[in-house]
């Protein structure tokens, strides 16, 4: 009985090490699509301090999303801008950015390049200010 437990434990450890070395994802995207609700934290000088989750105010400087998920930035006060450095991961964003009082996008199929987790760097700013914050979105594909 003890040898079976040791064998099982060794198998689990080997699988974990193999995933770490080869780079296989430990967890796939869930089958249901998710809406990621974010907001801008703005300082007194109107510079964006950080991007946080709407639900619990947790830091969202880097968020993980899946193809088909929706990302919604809550906007209050002055209009905000979301501008991607290069291609945007969102459907319907004909250029690399979007601005306004409602900023939302659905992550397009193929945004996870080659089926691999793909980071997209973007900038956020309050319109009319020169200060910019550079968070990122990391896209994974649904399997």
N, C-alpha and C. Protein backbone atom coordinates (compact mmCIF):
# COMPACT_ATOMS: atom_id res chain seq x y z
N UNK A 1 0.82 -1.19 0.00
CA UNK A 1 0.00 0.00 0.00
C UNK A 1 0.87 1.27 0.00
N UNK A 2 1.91 1.28 0.84
CA UNK A 2 2.79 2.43 0.91
C UNK A 2 3.54 2.63 -0.40
N UNK A 3 3.95 1.53 -1.05
CA UNK A 3 4.66 1.67 -2.32
C UNK A 3 3.76 2.27 -3.40
N UNK A 4 2.45 1.96 -3.36
CA UNK A 4 1.51 2.54 -4.31
C UNK A 4 1.40 4.05 -4.11
N UNK A 5 1.37 4.48 -2.84
CA UNK A 5 1.29 5.91 -2.54
C UNK A 5 2.55 6.62 -3.02
N UNK A 6 3.71 6.02 -2.77
CA UNK A 6 4.96 6.61 -3.22
C UNK A 6 5.02 6.68 -4.74
N UNK A 7 4.56 5.62 -5.39
CA UNK A 7 4.54 5.59 -6.85
C UNK A 7 3.61 6.67 -7.40
N UNK A 8 2.44 6.81 -6.81
CA UNK A 8 1.49 7.84 -7.23
C UNK A 8 2.09 9.23 -7.03
N UNK A 9 2.69 9.45 -5.85
CA UNK A 9 3.31 10.74 -5.55
C UNK A 9 4.43 11.07 -6.52
N UNK A 10 5.23 10.06 -6.86
CA UNK A 10 6.32 10.26 -7.81
C UNK A 10 5.77 10.59 -9.19
N UNK A 11 4.67 9.93 -9.57
CA UNK A 11 4.06 10.20 -10.87
C UNK A 11 3.55 11.64 -10.95
N UNK A 12 2.90 12.10 -9.90
CA UNK A 12 2.39 13.47 -9.86
C UNK A 12 3.54 14.46 -9.94
N UNK A 13 4.61 14.21 -9.19
CA UNK A 13 5.78 15.08 -9.22
C UNK A 13 6.40 15.12 -10.61
N UNK A 14 6.53 13.97 -11.26
CA UNK A 14 7.10 13.91 -12.61
C UNK A 14 6.24 14.69 -13.60
N UNK A 15 4.91 14.55 -13.50
CA UNK A 15 4.00 15.29 -14.38
C UNK A 15 4.16 16.78 -14.18
N UNK A 16 4.26 17.21 -12.93
CA UNK A 16 4.43 18.64 -12.64
C UNK A 16 5.75 19.15 -13.23
N UNK A 17 6.83 18.39 -13.02
CA UNK A 17 8.13 18.80 -13.56
C UNK A 17 8.12 18.83 -15.08
N UNK A 18 7.48 17.87 -15.71
CA UNK A 18 7.38 17.84 -17.17
C UNK A 18 6.64 19.06 -17.68
N UNK A 19 5.55 19.42 -17.03
CA UNK A 19 4.78 20.60 -17.44
C UNK A 19 5.63 21.86 -17.28
N UNK A 20 6.43 21.94 -16.23
CA UNK A 20 7.27 23.12 -16.00
C UNK A 20 8.34 23.24 -17.07
N UNK A 21 8.98 22.12 -17.43
CA UNK A 21 10.07 22.14 -18.39
C UNK A 21 9.57 22.36 -19.81
N UNK A 22 8.51 21.63 -20.20
CA UNK A 22 8.01 21.68 -21.56
C UNK A 22 7.17 22.93 -21.80
N UNK A 23 6.58 23.49 -20.75
CA UNK A 23 5.77 24.69 -20.89
C UNK A 23 4.31 24.39 -21.17
N UNK A 24 3.86 23.20 -20.88
CA UNK A 24 2.46 22.86 -21.09
C UNK A 24 1.63 23.59 -20.04
N UNK A 25 0.51 24.13 -20.46
CA UNK A 25 -0.34 24.87 -19.53
C UNK A 25 -0.86 23.94 -18.45
N UNK A 26 -0.85 24.41 -17.21
CA UNK A 26 -1.34 23.62 -16.10
C UNK A 26 -2.87 23.61 -16.09
N UNK A 27 -3.49 24.71 -16.43
CA UNK A 27 -4.95 24.79 -16.43
C UNK A 27 -5.42 25.41 -17.73
N UNK A 28 -6.42 24.80 -18.34
CA UNK A 28 -7.01 25.35 -19.56
C UNK A 28 -8.02 26.42 -19.20
N UNK A 29 -8.42 27.19 -20.20
CA UNK A 29 -9.49 28.15 -20.00
C UNK A 29 -10.78 27.39 -19.71
N UNK A 30 -11.61 27.92 -18.85
CA UNK A 30 -12.90 27.26 -18.60
C UNK A 30 -13.77 27.31 -19.85
N UNK A 31 -14.75 26.43 -19.94
CA UNK A 31 -15.61 26.41 -21.12
C UNK A 31 -16.52 27.63 -21.19
N UNK A 32 -16.93 28.16 -20.04
CA UNK A 32 -17.80 29.34 -20.06
C UNK A 32 -16.96 30.61 -20.21
N UNK A 33 -17.51 31.53 -20.96
CA UNK A 33 -16.84 32.82 -21.18
C UNK A 33 -17.04 33.70 -19.97
N UNK A 34 -16.10 34.59 -19.74
CA UNK A 34 -16.11 35.43 -18.55
C UNK A 34 -16.03 36.90 -18.95
N UNK A 35 -16.64 37.76 -18.14
CA UNK A 35 -16.47 39.21 -18.30
C UNK A 35 -15.55 39.69 -17.20
N UNK A 36 -14.45 40.31 -17.60
CA UNK A 36 -13.47 40.86 -16.67
C UNK A 36 -13.78 42.35 -16.51
N UNK A 37 -14.20 42.74 -15.32
CA UNK A 37 -14.59 44.12 -15.06
C UNK A 37 -13.45 44.84 -14.36
N UNK A 38 -12.95 45.87 -15.04
CA UNK A 38 -11.81 46.63 -14.55
C UNK A 38 -12.17 48.10 -14.40
N UNK A 39 -11.36 48.81 -13.64
CA UNK A 39 -11.55 50.26 -13.53
C UNK A 39 -10.19 50.92 -13.44
N UNK A 40 -10.18 52.20 -13.73
CA UNK A 40 -8.98 53.01 -13.66
C UNK A 40 -8.90 53.68 -12.29
N UNK A 41 -7.76 53.57 -11.64
CA UNK A 41 -7.50 54.34 -10.42
C UNK A 41 -6.75 55.59 -10.88
N UNK A 42 -7.31 56.76 -10.62
CA UNK A 42 -6.74 58.01 -11.12
C UNK A 42 -6.29 58.88 -9.94
N UNK A 43 -5.08 59.45 -10.06
CA UNK A 43 -4.55 60.34 -9.02
C UNK A 43 -5.19 61.72 -9.16
N UNK A 44 -4.91 62.57 -8.20
CA UNK A 44 -5.46 63.93 -8.20
C UNK A 44 -5.07 64.72 -9.45
N UNK A 45 -3.88 64.43 -10.01
CA UNK A 45 -3.44 65.14 -11.21
C UNK A 45 -4.02 64.54 -12.50
N UNK A 46 -4.96 63.60 -12.36
CA UNK A 46 -5.66 62.93 -13.46
C UNK A 46 -4.80 61.90 -14.20
N UNK A 47 -3.63 61.57 -13.68
CA UNK A 47 -2.84 60.48 -14.26
C UNK A 47 -3.39 59.15 -13.75
N UNK A 48 -3.41 58.15 -14.61
CA UNK A 48 -3.88 56.83 -14.20
C UNK A 48 -2.79 56.21 -13.32
N UNK A 49 -3.16 55.89 -12.08
CA UNK A 49 -2.24 55.28 -11.14
C UNK A 49 -2.10 53.78 -11.41
N UNK A 50 -3.24 53.10 -11.60
CA UNK A 50 -3.22 51.67 -11.92
C UNK A 50 -4.59 51.24 -12.41
N UNK A 51 -4.62 50.02 -12.95
CA UNK A 51 -5.86 49.38 -13.36
C UNK A 51 -6.15 48.31 -12.32
N UNK A 52 -7.39 48.27 -11.84
CA UNK A 52 -7.77 47.30 -10.80
C UNK A 52 -9.06 46.60 -11.20
N UNK A 53 -9.34 45.47 -10.53
CA UNK A 53 -10.60 44.77 -10.77
C UNK A 53 -11.72 45.54 -10.07
N UNK A 54 -12.87 45.56 -10.69
CA UNK A 54 -14.01 46.27 -10.14
C UNK A 54 -14.55 45.59 -8.89
N UNK A 55 -14.49 44.25 -8.87
CA UNK A 55 -15.07 43.48 -7.79
C UNK A 55 -14.37 43.70 -6.45
N UNK A 56 -13.04 43.63 -6.44
CA UNK A 56 -12.34 43.67 -5.15
C UNK A 56 -11.15 44.63 -5.11
N UNK A 57 -11.02 45.48 -6.09
CA UNK A 57 -9.97 46.49 -6.13
C UNK A 57 -8.56 45.89 -6.21
N UNK A 58 -8.46 44.62 -6.64
CA UNK A 58 -7.16 43.96 -6.77
C UNK A 58 -6.42 44.50 -7.98
N UNK A 59 -5.10 44.53 -7.90
CA UNK A 59 -4.26 45.03 -8.97
C UNK A 59 -4.48 44.21 -10.24
N UNK A 60 -4.72 44.88 -11.36
CA UNK A 60 -4.94 44.20 -12.65
C UNK A 60 -3.95 44.74 -13.67
N UNK A 61 -2.73 45.06 -13.22
CA UNK A 61 -1.70 45.54 -14.13
C UNK A 61 -1.40 44.49 -15.18
N UNK A 62 -1.56 43.23 -14.80
CA UNK A 62 -1.44 42.12 -15.75
C UNK A 62 -2.61 41.18 -15.48
N UNK A 63 -3.47 40.99 -16.49
CA UNK A 63 -4.60 40.08 -16.29
C UNK A 63 -4.57 38.97 -17.33
N UNK A 64 -5.06 37.80 -16.93
CA UNK A 64 -5.16 36.65 -17.81
C UNK A 64 -6.60 36.55 -18.30
N UNK A 65 -6.76 36.46 -19.61
CA UNK A 65 -8.08 36.31 -20.21
C UNK A 65 -8.02 35.17 -21.22
N UNK A 66 -9.19 34.74 -21.68
CA UNK A 66 -9.28 33.68 -22.68
C UNK A 66 -9.99 34.21 -23.91
N UNK A 67 -9.70 33.60 -25.05
CA UNK A 67 -10.41 33.97 -26.28
C UNK A 67 -11.91 33.84 -26.02
N UNK A 68 -12.68 34.84 -26.44
CA UNK A 68 -14.12 34.85 -26.22
C UNK A 68 -14.54 35.59 -24.98
N UNK A 69 -13.61 35.85 -24.05
CA UNK A 69 -13.94 36.63 -22.85
C UNK A 69 -14.15 38.09 -23.22
N UNK A 70 -14.85 38.80 -22.36
CA UNK A 70 -15.06 40.24 -22.54
C UNK A 70 -14.27 40.98 -21.46
N UNK A 71 -13.64 42.07 -21.84
CA UNK A 71 -12.95 42.94 -20.89
C UNK A 71 -13.69 44.28 -20.92
N UNK A 72 -14.10 44.74 -19.76
CA UNK A 72 -14.85 45.99 -19.66
C UNK A 72 -14.16 46.90 -18.64
N UNK A 73 -13.71 48.05 -19.13
CA UNK A 73 -13.10 49.05 -18.25
C UNK A 73 -14.19 50.01 -17.81
N UNK A 74 -14.37 50.17 -16.52
CA UNK A 74 -15.35 51.12 -15.98
C UNK A 74 -14.77 52.52 -16.09
N UNK A 75 -15.55 53.42 -16.64
CA UNK A 75 -15.08 54.78 -16.88
C UNK A 75 -16.01 55.76 -16.18
N UNK A 76 -15.43 56.64 -15.36
CA UNK A 76 -16.22 57.72 -14.77
C UNK A 76 -15.38 58.98 -14.88
N UNK A 77 -16.05 60.10 -14.92
CA UNK A 77 -15.32 61.37 -15.07
C UNK A 77 -14.85 61.55 -16.50
N UNK A 78 -13.65 62.06 -16.65
CA UNK A 78 -13.09 62.33 -17.99
C UNK A 78 -12.94 61.05 -18.80
N UNK A 79 -13.03 61.19 -20.12
CA UNK A 79 -12.88 60.03 -21.00
C UNK A 79 -11.49 59.43 -20.85
N UNK A 80 -11.42 58.12 -21.04
CA UNK A 80 -10.14 57.40 -20.93
C UNK A 80 -9.81 56.80 -22.29
N UNK A 81 -8.53 56.45 -22.47
CA UNK A 81 -8.08 55.81 -23.70
C UNK A 81 -7.41 54.48 -23.36
N UNK A 82 -7.63 53.49 -24.22
CA UNK A 82 -6.94 52.21 -24.16
C UNK A 82 -6.31 52.03 -25.53
N UNK A 83 -4.99 51.99 -25.58
CA UNK A 83 -4.28 51.92 -26.86
C UNK A 83 -3.26 50.78 -26.80
N UNK A 84 -3.39 49.83 -27.71
CA UNK A 84 -2.47 48.70 -27.75
C UNK A 84 -1.24 49.04 -28.57
N UNK A 85 -0.11 48.50 -28.14
CA UNK A 85 1.14 48.66 -28.88
C UNK A 85 1.12 47.61 -29.99
N UNK A 86 0.62 47.98 -31.14
CA UNK A 86 0.47 47.01 -32.24
C UNK A 86 -0.96 46.52 -32.30
N UNK A 87 -1.11 45.26 -32.61
CA UNK A 87 -2.43 44.66 -32.81
C UNK A 87 -3.21 44.57 -31.50
N UNK A 88 -4.50 44.83 -31.58
CA UNK A 88 -5.39 44.67 -30.45
C UNK A 88 -5.91 43.23 -30.42
N UNK A 89 -6.13 42.66 -29.24
CA UNK A 89 -6.69 41.31 -29.15
C UNK A 89 -8.22 41.28 -29.25
N UNK A 90 -8.85 42.45 -29.48
CA UNK A 90 -10.30 42.52 -29.43
C UNK A 90 -10.98 42.55 -30.80
N UNK A 91 -12.14 41.90 -30.87
CA UNK A 91 -12.97 41.92 -32.07
C UNK A 91 -13.50 43.34 -32.27
N UNK A 92 -13.56 43.78 -33.53
CA UNK A 92 -14.21 45.04 -33.84
C UNK A 92 -13.39 46.29 -33.56
N UNK A 93 -12.20 46.14 -33.02
CA UNK A 93 -11.34 47.30 -32.84
C UNK A 93 -10.51 47.40 -34.10
N UNK A 94 -10.93 48.25 -35.02
CA UNK A 94 -10.28 48.33 -36.32
C UNK A 94 -8.86 48.87 -36.24
N UNK A 95 -8.61 49.73 -35.27
CA UNK A 95 -7.23 50.17 -35.05
C UNK A 95 -6.76 49.56 -33.74
N UNK A 96 -5.69 50.05 -33.20
CA UNK A 96 -5.14 49.44 -32.00
C UNK A 96 -5.69 50.04 -30.71
N UNK A 97 -6.61 50.99 -30.82
CA UNK A 97 -7.08 51.62 -29.59
C UNK A 97 -8.54 51.99 -29.60
N UNK A 98 -8.99 52.41 -28.43
CA UNK A 98 -10.38 52.81 -28.27
C UNK A 98 -10.42 53.84 -27.15
N UNK A 99 -11.29 54.81 -27.29
CA UNK A 99 -11.46 55.78 -26.22
C UNK A 99 -12.92 56.12 -26.07
N UNK A 100 -13.27 56.64 -24.91
CA UNK A 100 -14.64 57.05 -24.70
C UNK A 100 -15.06 56.88 -23.27
N UNK A 101 -16.36 56.96 -23.06
CA UNK A 101 -16.90 56.83 -21.72
C UNK A 101 -17.33 55.39 -21.44
N UNK A 102 -17.27 54.52 -22.46
CA UNK A 102 -17.53 53.10 -22.27
C UNK A 102 -16.50 52.35 -23.11
N UNK A 103 -15.62 51.61 -22.44
CA UNK A 103 -14.58 50.89 -23.14
C UNK A 103 -14.75 49.40 -22.86
N UNK A 104 -15.01 48.65 -23.93
CA UNK A 104 -15.28 47.22 -23.77
C UNK A 104 -14.85 46.49 -25.03
N UNK A 105 -14.36 45.29 -24.87
CA UNK A 105 -13.98 44.49 -26.02
C UNK A 105 -14.09 43.01 -25.73
N UNK A 106 -14.39 42.23 -26.78
CA UNK A 106 -14.42 40.77 -26.69
C UNK A 106 -13.15 40.24 -27.33
N UNK A 107 -12.44 39.38 -26.61
CA UNK A 107 -11.17 38.84 -27.10
C UNK A 107 -11.46 37.94 -28.30
N UNK A 108 -10.82 38.24 -29.42
CA UNK A 108 -11.10 37.53 -30.67
C UNK A 108 -10.41 36.17 -30.72
N UNK A 109 -11.02 35.26 -31.49
CA UNK A 109 -10.42 33.96 -31.73
C UNK A 109 -9.09 34.18 -32.45
N UNK A 110 -8.08 33.45 -32.08
CA UNK A 110 -6.76 33.59 -32.69
C UNK A 110 -5.87 34.59 -31.99
N UNK A 111 -6.38 35.25 -30.95
CA UNK A 111 -5.56 36.23 -30.23
C UNK A 111 -4.42 35.55 -29.46
N UNK A 112 -4.62 34.28 -29.12
CA UNK A 112 -3.53 33.49 -28.53
C UNK A 112 -2.73 32.93 -29.70
N UNK A 113 -1.68 33.62 -30.08
CA UNK A 113 -0.90 33.30 -31.29
C UNK A 113 -0.30 31.89 -31.21
N UNK A 114 -0.55 31.10 -32.24
CA UNK A 114 -0.04 29.73 -32.28
C UNK A 114 -0.60 28.86 -31.17
N UNK A 115 -1.74 29.25 -30.62
CA UNK A 115 -2.35 28.50 -29.53
C UNK A 115 -1.64 28.66 -28.20
N UNK A 116 -0.69 29.59 -28.13
CA UNK A 116 0.10 29.81 -26.91
C UNK A 116 -0.34 31.09 -26.21
N UNK A 117 -0.13 31.13 -24.89
CA UNK A 117 -0.42 32.36 -24.13
C UNK A 117 0.33 33.52 -24.77
N UNK A 118 -0.39 34.60 -25.06
CA UNK A 118 0.20 35.72 -25.78
C UNK A 118 -0.06 37.02 -25.02
N UNK A 119 1.01 37.75 -24.65
CA UNK A 119 0.83 39.03 -23.97
C UNK A 119 0.56 40.17 -24.96
N UNK A 120 -0.30 41.07 -24.56
CA UNK A 120 -0.59 42.29 -25.33
C UNK A 120 -0.38 43.47 -24.39
N UNK A 121 0.61 44.28 -24.70
CA UNK A 121 0.91 45.47 -23.92
C UNK A 121 0.00 46.59 -24.39
N UNK A 122 -0.57 47.32 -23.45
CA UNK A 122 -1.41 48.45 -23.83
C UNK A 122 -1.16 49.63 -22.91
N UNK A 123 -1.59 50.79 -23.33
CA UNK A 123 -1.45 52.01 -22.55
C UNK A 123 -2.82 52.54 -22.20
N UNK A 124 -2.94 53.09 -21.00
CA UNK A 124 -4.19 53.73 -20.60
C UNK A 124 -3.86 55.15 -20.14
N UNK A 125 -4.77 56.05 -20.45
CA UNK A 125 -4.56 57.45 -20.06
C UNK A 125 -5.91 58.15 -19.98
N UNK A 126 -5.94 59.20 -19.21
CA UNK A 126 -7.10 60.09 -19.18
C UNK A 126 -6.90 61.07 -20.32
N UNK A 127 -7.92 61.24 -21.15
CA UNK A 127 -7.81 62.14 -22.30
C UNK A 127 -7.41 63.54 -21.82
N UNK A 128 -6.46 64.12 -22.54
CA UNK A 128 -6.00 65.47 -22.21
C UNK A 128 -4.80 65.50 -21.28
N UNK A 129 -4.31 64.32 -20.83
CA UNK A 129 -3.11 64.29 -20.00
C UNK A 129 -1.97 63.62 -20.76
N UNK A 130 -0.76 63.90 -20.35
CA UNK A 130 0.39 63.32 -21.04
C UNK A 130 0.93 62.08 -20.34
N UNK A 131 0.44 61.78 -19.14
CA UNK A 131 0.95 60.62 -18.40
C UNK A 131 0.20 59.36 -18.84
N UNK A 132 0.96 58.26 -18.95
CA UNK A 132 0.41 57.01 -19.48
C UNK A 132 0.85 55.86 -18.58
N UNK A 133 -0.03 54.90 -18.38
CA UNK A 133 0.28 53.68 -17.64
C UNK A 133 0.29 52.52 -18.63
N UNK A 134 1.21 51.56 -18.47
CA UNK A 134 1.36 50.47 -19.43
C UNK A 134 1.13 49.09 -18.80
N UNK A 135 -0.12 48.67 -18.65
CA UNK A 135 -0.40 47.32 -18.17
C UNK A 135 -0.39 46.31 -19.34
N UNK A 136 -0.75 45.06 -19.08
CA UNK A 136 -0.83 44.07 -20.15
C UNK A 136 -1.98 43.11 -19.93
N UNK A 137 -2.42 42.53 -21.03
CA UNK A 137 -3.42 41.47 -21.03
C UNK A 137 -2.74 40.25 -21.62
N UNK A 138 -2.88 39.10 -20.96
CA UNK A 138 -2.30 37.86 -21.47
C UNK A 138 -3.45 36.97 -21.91
N UNK A 139 -3.45 36.61 -23.20
CA UNK A 139 -4.56 35.85 -23.78
C UNK A 139 -4.17 34.38 -23.93
N UNK A 140 -5.07 33.50 -23.50
CA UNK A 140 -4.91 32.05 -23.69
C UNK A 140 -6.09 31.59 -24.54
N UNK A 141 -5.95 30.46 -25.17
CA UNK A 141 -7.05 29.97 -26.02
C UNK A 141 -7.89 28.96 -25.28
N UNK A 142 -9.14 28.86 -25.70
CA UNK A 142 -10.02 27.83 -25.17
C UNK A 142 -9.70 26.53 -25.87
N UNK A 143 -9.70 25.47 -25.13
CA UNK A 143 -9.38 24.14 -25.69
C UNK A 143 -10.60 23.29 -25.78
